[in-house]
Protein backbone atom coordinates (compact mmCIF):
# COMPACT_ATOMS: atom_id res chain seq x y z
CA MET A 1 0.01 0.04 0.01
CA ILE A 2 1.42 3.41 -0.95
CA TRP A 3 1.04 6.14 1.59
CA LYS A 4 -0.60 9.39 0.32
CA PRO A 5 -1.31 12.69 2.18
CA ASN A 6 -4.51 14.50 2.00
CA VAL A 7 -4.12 17.65 -0.23
CA THR A 8 -6.24 20.60 1.24
CA VAL A 9 -6.54 24.28 0.52
CA ALA A 10 -7.41 27.11 2.76
CA ALA A 11 -8.29 30.91 2.29
CA VAL A 12 -6.81 33.32 4.60
CA VAL A 13 -8.93 36.40 4.24
CA GLU A 14 -8.39 39.48 6.20
CA LYS A 15 -10.54 42.71 6.08
CA GLY A 16 -10.50 45.63 8.49
CA GLY A 17 -8.25 43.66 10.95
CA GLN A 18 -10.56 40.79 11.09
CA TYR A 19 -10.13 37.36 9.62
CA LEU A 20 -12.81 35.09 7.99
CA LEU A 21 -13.41 31.84 9.89
CA VAL A 22 -15.94 29.03 9.72
CA GLU A 23 -17.15 27.37 12.89
CA GLU A 24 -17.75 23.59 11.80
CA GLN A 25 -19.00 20.53 13.41
CA THR A 26 -16.40 17.92 13.32
CA GLY A 27 -15.78 14.50 14.94
CA SER A 28 -14.02 16.38 17.89
CA GLY A 29 -16.94 18.73 18.39
CA ILE A 30 -17.30 22.30 17.13
CA LEU A 31 -14.12 23.84 15.90
CA PHE A 32 -12.83 26.91 13.99
CA ASN A 33 -11.00 26.87 10.71
CA GLN A 34 -10.25 29.01 7.74
CA PRO A 35 -12.43 28.24 4.86
CA ALA A 36 -10.81 25.06 3.76
CA GLY A 37 -11.11 21.57 2.30
CA HIS A 38 -9.98 18.79 0.11
CA LEU A 39 -8.75 19.21 -3.36
CA GLU A 40 -11.21 17.26 -5.76
CA PRO A 41 -10.43 15.14 -8.89
CA GLY A 42 -9.57 17.38 -11.86
CA GLU A 43 -9.60 20.57 -10.01
CA SER A 44 -6.77 23.10 -9.80
CA ILE A 45 -5.38 24.01 -6.46
CA ILE A 46 -6.47 27.64 -6.96
CA ASP A 47 -10.08 26.56 -8.01
CA ALA A 48 -10.43 24.50 -4.96
CA ALA A 49 -9.75 27.38 -2.76
CA ILE A 50 -12.21 29.44 -4.53
CA ARG A 51 -14.74 26.69 -4.41
CA GLU A 52 -14.30 25.82 -0.77
CA THR A 53 -14.68 29.39 0.24
CA LEU A 54 -17.79 29.85 -1.44
CA GLU A 55 -19.31 26.55 -0.19
CA GLU A 56 -18.32 27.11 3.50
CA THR A 57 -18.78 31.04 3.74
CA ALA A 58 -21.08 32.11 0.74
CA TYR A 59 -18.22 34.63 0.05
CA THR A 60 -16.64 34.78 -3.49
CA PHE A 61 -12.81 34.55 -2.95
CA VAL A 62 -10.38 36.06 -5.23
CA PRO A 63 -6.84 34.55 -4.51
CA GLN A 64 -3.92 37.04 -4.75
CA SER A 65 -0.98 35.13 -3.47
CA VAL A 66 0.10 31.76 -1.98
CA LEU A 67 0.73 32.26 1.77
CA GLY A 68 2.47 28.97 2.15
CA ILE A 69 2.33 25.25 1.86
CA TYR A 70 2.07 23.43 5.10
CA HIS A 71 2.73 19.84 6.21
CA TRP A 72 0.99 18.55 9.35
CA HIS A 73 0.34 15.26 10.86
CA SER A 74 -2.90 14.99 12.93
CA HIS A 75 -2.06 12.33 15.61
CA THR A 76 -5.73 12.16 16.63
CA GLU A 77 -6.97 11.15 13.11
CA ASN A 78 -3.44 9.64 12.14
CA ILE A 79 -3.70 11.58 8.82
CA THR A 80 -1.07 13.76 7.27
CA PHE A 81 -2.13 16.82 5.50
CA ILE A 82 -0.41 19.09 2.76
CA ARG A 83 -2.20 22.57 3.00
CA PHE A 84 -1.93 25.17 0.32
CA ALA A 85 -3.02 28.37 1.83
CA PHE A 86 -3.94 31.47 -0.01
CA THR A 87 -4.47 35.09 0.74
CA GLY A 88 -6.93 37.33 -1.04
CA SER A 89 -9.98 39.30 -0.80
CA VAL A 90 -13.85 38.45 -1.02
CA ILE A 91 -15.73 40.36 -3.65
CA ASP A 92 -19.24 39.21 -3.11
CA HIS A 93 -21.51 37.61 -0.53
CA ASP A 94 -24.58 35.58 -0.97
CA PRO A 95 -26.38 35.61 2.48
CA ASP A 96 -29.16 33.39 1.11
CA ARG A 97 -26.72 30.64 -0.08
CA ALA A 98 -26.81 27.45 1.94
CA LEU A 99 -23.50 26.55 3.51
CA ASP A 100 -21.84 23.01 3.34
CA ILE A 101 -23.26 20.44 5.61
CA GLY A 102 -21.45 20.68 9.02
CA ILE A 103 -20.62 24.40 8.88
CA VAL A 104 -22.34 26.09 11.58
CA ARG A 105 -21.62 29.72 10.58
CA ALA A 106 -18.96 31.93 8.93
CA GLY A 107 -17.80 35.12 10.67
CA TRP A 108 -14.98 37.73 11.01
CA PHE A 109 -12.85 37.54 14.17
CA GLY A 110 -10.01 39.75 15.42
CA VAL A 111 -6.51 38.62 15.90
CA GLU A 112 -6.67 38.38 19.61
CA GLU A 113 -9.98 36.75 19.66
CA ILE A 114 -8.55 34.05 17.36
CA ARG A 115 -5.47 33.64 19.73
CA GLN A 116 -7.76 33.17 22.73
CA MET A 117 -9.61 30.30 21.16
CA THR A 118 -6.66 28.31 20.00
CA TYR A 119 -8.14 25.41 22.13
CA CYS A 120 -10.87 25.17 19.55
CA HIS A 121 -8.97 25.45 16.35
CA ARG A 122 -9.36 22.71 13.87
CA SER A 123 -5.59 22.45 13.64
CA PRO A 124 -2.41 24.46 14.49
CA LEU A 125 -2.47 25.58 10.99
CA VAL A 126 -5.26 27.93 11.64
CA MET A 127 -3.18 30.23 13.83
CA ARG A 128 0.19 29.63 11.99
CA CYS A 129 -1.55 30.86 8.69
CA ILE A 130 -2.67 33.99 10.33
CA GLU A 131 0.81 34.56 11.96
CA ASP A 132 2.26 34.14 8.60
CA HIS A 133 -0.18 36.59 7.13
CA LEU A 134 0.65 39.21 9.78
CA ALA A 135 4.31 38.62 9.14
CA GLY A 136 3.75 39.44 5.34
CA LYS A 137 4.45 36.21 3.93
CA HIS A 138 3.34 35.74 0.27
CA TYR A 139 4.29 34.22 -2.84
CA SER A 140 3.26 34.52 -6.56
CA LEU A 141 0.22 32.36 -7.81
CA GLU A 142 2.60 31.64 -10.72
CA ILE A 143 4.43 28.97 -8.66
CA LEU A 144 1.49 26.82 -9.27
CA THR A 145 0.94 25.19 -12.54
CA HIS A 146 -2.14 22.94 -13.35
CA TYR A 147 -2.09 20.71 -16.44
CA ASP A 148 -5.43 18.90 -17.67
């Protein structure tokens, strides 16, 4: 059997000093995360981030840069994740759009508030991505190539 990590994407969106997070029902209870999810077959990594953000928040996400690529092993689930995190902006919101199953709500949170709730983050990558964003990390979207 060949081991394969789970490829995921995440959108790190900041507006007015607040970050967009989702509150979601998980096997470990209700936890907070960036809009994030798994890459689907045939989908580009960038398109996955746009799709996941829309499905989980009802916001239309426009990626502007790669924040980072993160490797994390969840000991609880015994799963390894490779996360492609993007920064960008949201340009539209559809408040009537139904959110993905399991998403309780999407909301905007200040950095200190997010730091205080690290105990209920989906993974340590939630805070790490915000810290990297605050540090100004960003890389051109051109580093990603998608072939059909």
